[in-house]
Protein backbone atom coordinates (compact mmCIF):
# COMPACT_ATOMS: atom_id res chain seq x y z
CA MET A 1 -70.84 192.99 56.19
CA THR A 2 -67.36 191.63 56.44
CA PRO A 3 -66.09 189.09 53.90
CA TRP A 4 -66.40 186.17 56.30
CA GLN A 5 -69.98 187.15 57.17
CA THR A 6 -70.78 187.33 53.47
CA ALA A 7 -69.24 183.88 52.94
CA ALA A 8 -71.17 182.42 55.91
CA SER A 9 -74.45 183.96 54.71
CA ALA A 10 -73.88 182.74 51.16
CA ALA A 11 -73.09 179.24 52.44
CA ALA A 12 -76.27 179.27 54.55
CA ARG A 13 -78.36 180.42 51.61
CA ASN A 14 -76.87 177.83 49.22
CA LEU A 15 -77.22 174.99 51.73
CA GLY A 16 -80.84 175.93 52.40
CA ARG A 17 -81.72 176.07 48.72
CA ASN A 18 -79.96 172.80 47.95
CA SER A 19 -81.60 171.09 50.90
CA ILE A 20 -85.11 172.17 49.96
CA PHE A 21 -84.65 171.40 46.25
CA CYS A 22 -83.23 167.91 46.85
CA GLY A 23 -85.79 167.15 49.54
CA LEU A 24 -88.72 168.08 47.31
CA THR A 25 -87.17 166.22 44.38
CA ALA A 26 -86.90 163.12 46.57
CA LEU A 27 -90.56 163.38 47.60
CA LEU A 28 -91.86 163.75 44.04
CA PRO A 29 -91.36 160.09 43.01
CA LEU A 30 -92.97 158.94 46.25
CA ILE A 31 -95.99 161.05 45.38
CA THR A 32 -96.23 159.79 41.80
CA ALA A 33 -95.32 156.16 42.50
CA PRO A 34 -98.68 155.17 44.06
CA ILE A 35 -100.46 156.63 41.04
CA THR A 36 -98.45 154.40 38.74
CA ALA A 37 -98.43 151.42 41.14
CA GLY A 38 -101.57 149.95 39.64
CA TYR A 39 -100.20 150.38 36.16
CA ARG A 40 -98.88 146.93 35.17
CA GLY A 41 -97.66 146.07 38.67
CA PHE A 42 -95.31 148.99 39.19
CA ALA A 43 -92.55 147.67 41.39
CA PRO A 44 -91.37 144.59 43.19
CA THR A 45 -91.02 144.81 46.95
CA LEU A 46 -87.23 145.12 46.84
CA GLY A 47 -87.55 148.11 44.52
CA TRP A 48 -89.90 149.85 46.93
CA LEU A 49 -87.57 149.18 49.83
CA LEU A 50 -84.58 150.54 47.92
CA MET A 51 -86.56 153.63 46.98
CA LEU A 52 -87.60 154.22 50.59
CA VAL A 53 -84.06 153.76 51.88
CA PHE A 54 -82.55 156.19 49.41
CA CYS A 55 -85.38 158.67 49.93
CA GLY A 56 -84.76 158.46 53.68
CA ILE A 57 -81.05 159.11 53.13
CA VAL A 58 -81.75 162.14 50.94
CA LEU A 59 -84.26 163.56 53.42
CA ALA A 60 -81.97 162.95 56.41
CA LEU A 61 -79.14 164.75 54.64
CA ALA A 62 -81.56 167.56 53.74
CA ILE A 63 -82.38 168.03 57.42
CA HIS A 64 -78.68 167.95 58.29
CA LEU A 65 -77.95 170.62 55.67
CA LEU A 66 -80.79 172.81 56.92
CA PHE A 67 -79.27 172.58 60.40
CA ASP A 68 -75.86 173.51 58.97
CA ALA A 69 -77.45 176.49 57.21
CA LEU A 70 -78.89 177.67 60.52
CA LEU A 71 -75.47 177.30 62.14
CA PHE A 72 -73.87 179.42 59.42
CA ARG A 73 -76.56 182.05 59.92
CA LEU A 74 -75.80 182.03 63.65
CA ALA A 75 -72.09 182.49 62.93
CA ALA A 76 -72.78 185.34 60.51
CA SER A 77 -74.80 187.19 63.15
CA HIS A 78 -71.68 187.86 65.24
CA GLU A 79 -69.17 190.66 64.77
CA THR A 80 -66.03 188.56 64.35
CA GLU A 81 -65.38 185.19 62.78
CA ALA A 82 -63.89 183.84 66.00
CA ALA A 83 -66.94 184.91 68.03
CA GLY A 84 -69.35 183.47 65.47
CA LEU A 85 -67.61 180.12 65.24
CA ALA A 86 -67.23 179.99 69.03
CA ALA A 87 -70.99 180.51 69.34
CA VAL A 88 -71.59 177.64 66.91
CA ASP A 89 -69.19 175.37 68.81
CA ASP A 90 -70.81 176.33 72.12
CA LEU A 91 -74.27 175.55 70.76
CA LEU A 92 -73.13 172.17 69.44
CA PHE A 93 -71.48 171.39 72.78
CA ARG A 94 -74.60 172.33 74.76
CA MET A 95 -76.72 170.18 72.45
CA GLN A 96 -74.23 167.36 73.05
CA LEU A 97 -73.57 166.99 69.34
CA ARG A 98 -69.85 167.71 69.49
CA LYS A 99 -67.10 167.83 72.05
CA PRO A 100 -65.02 171.01 72.21
CA ASP A 101 -61.99 170.98 69.90
CA ARG A 102 -58.56 172.08 71.02
CA THR A 103 -58.11 173.96 67.78
CA PRO A 104 -61.44 175.03 66.32
CA ARG A 105 -61.85 174.67 62.57
CA GLY A 106 -62.08 177.79 60.45
CA LEU A 107 -65.04 178.87 58.37
CA GLU A 108 -63.59 177.54 55.11
CA LYS A 109 -63.11 174.04 56.53
CA ARG A 110 -66.66 174.04 57.85
CA ILE A 111 -68.03 175.15 54.48
CA ALA A 112 -65.95 172.44 52.78
CA GLY A 113 -67.43 169.85 55.17
CA SER A 114 -70.94 170.96 54.30
CA ARG A 115 -70.12 170.79 50.59
CA ARG A 116 -69.06 167.15 51.03
CA ILE A 117 -72.46 166.45 52.57
CA VAL A 118 -74.13 168.21 49.61
CA TRP A 119 -72.30 165.90 47.19
CA GLN A 120 -73.27 162.84 49.24
CA GLN A 121 -76.87 163.99 49.12
CA ARG A 122 -76.72 164.52 45.37
CA LEU A 123 -75.22 161.06 44.84
CA ALA A 124 -77.97 159.48 46.93
CA LEU A 125 -80.59 161.47 44.98
CA VAL A 126 -79.17 160.33 41.63
CA LEU A 127 -79.19 156.70 42.76
CA TYR A 128 -82.74 157.12 44.06
CA LEU A 129 -83.97 158.63 40.79
CA ALA A 130 -82.16 155.92 38.80
CA ILE A 131 -83.94 153.21 40.82
CA PHE A 132 -87.24 154.99 40.19
CA ALA A 133 -86.54 155.19 36.45
CA ILE A 134 -85.58 151.50 36.33
CA LEU A 135 -88.77 150.55 38.15
CA GLN A 136 -90.83 152.68 35.76
CA LEU A 137 -89.20 151.02 32.75
CA ASN A 138 -89.70 147.61 34.34
CA ALA A 139 -93.37 148.37 34.96
CA SER A 140 -93.94 149.33 31.35
CA SER A 141 -91.73 146.49 30.02
CA GLY A 142 -89.83 149.06 28.00
CA GLN A 143 -93.01 150.08 26.19
CA PRO A 144 -94.38 153.62 26.30
CA PRO A 145 -97.78 153.83 28.01
CA ALA A 146 -100.71 153.41 25.64
């Protein structure tokens, strides 16, 4: 494997792992929340709505990152970096997700763009988990469960 193929494969692997981990982490509070909902009136309606919005954001970004991981795998399957990135651009154009660029971006810029999305996803996940923790503390009135 050439260095750019190794970088593309590593990016795909890291994006996939991050996406799955954050997606499952976002689903865990939604699974446990109904169990604790009856416990001292778990959450006001606004809290539930905020949780659902942030969970939706985290899951949407997880799907986006899984798609990016597949695109990096597609790029890594070609012999040269130019051919791999051209195949990705062609696929995105045929899916009507992007118009062709005059100067296509290199692999490093594409990886950097995906990393920005990873950080956005992590920020949304932290806010989501903070809202869940606040709602749990509110439900127990600051008291540990008896």
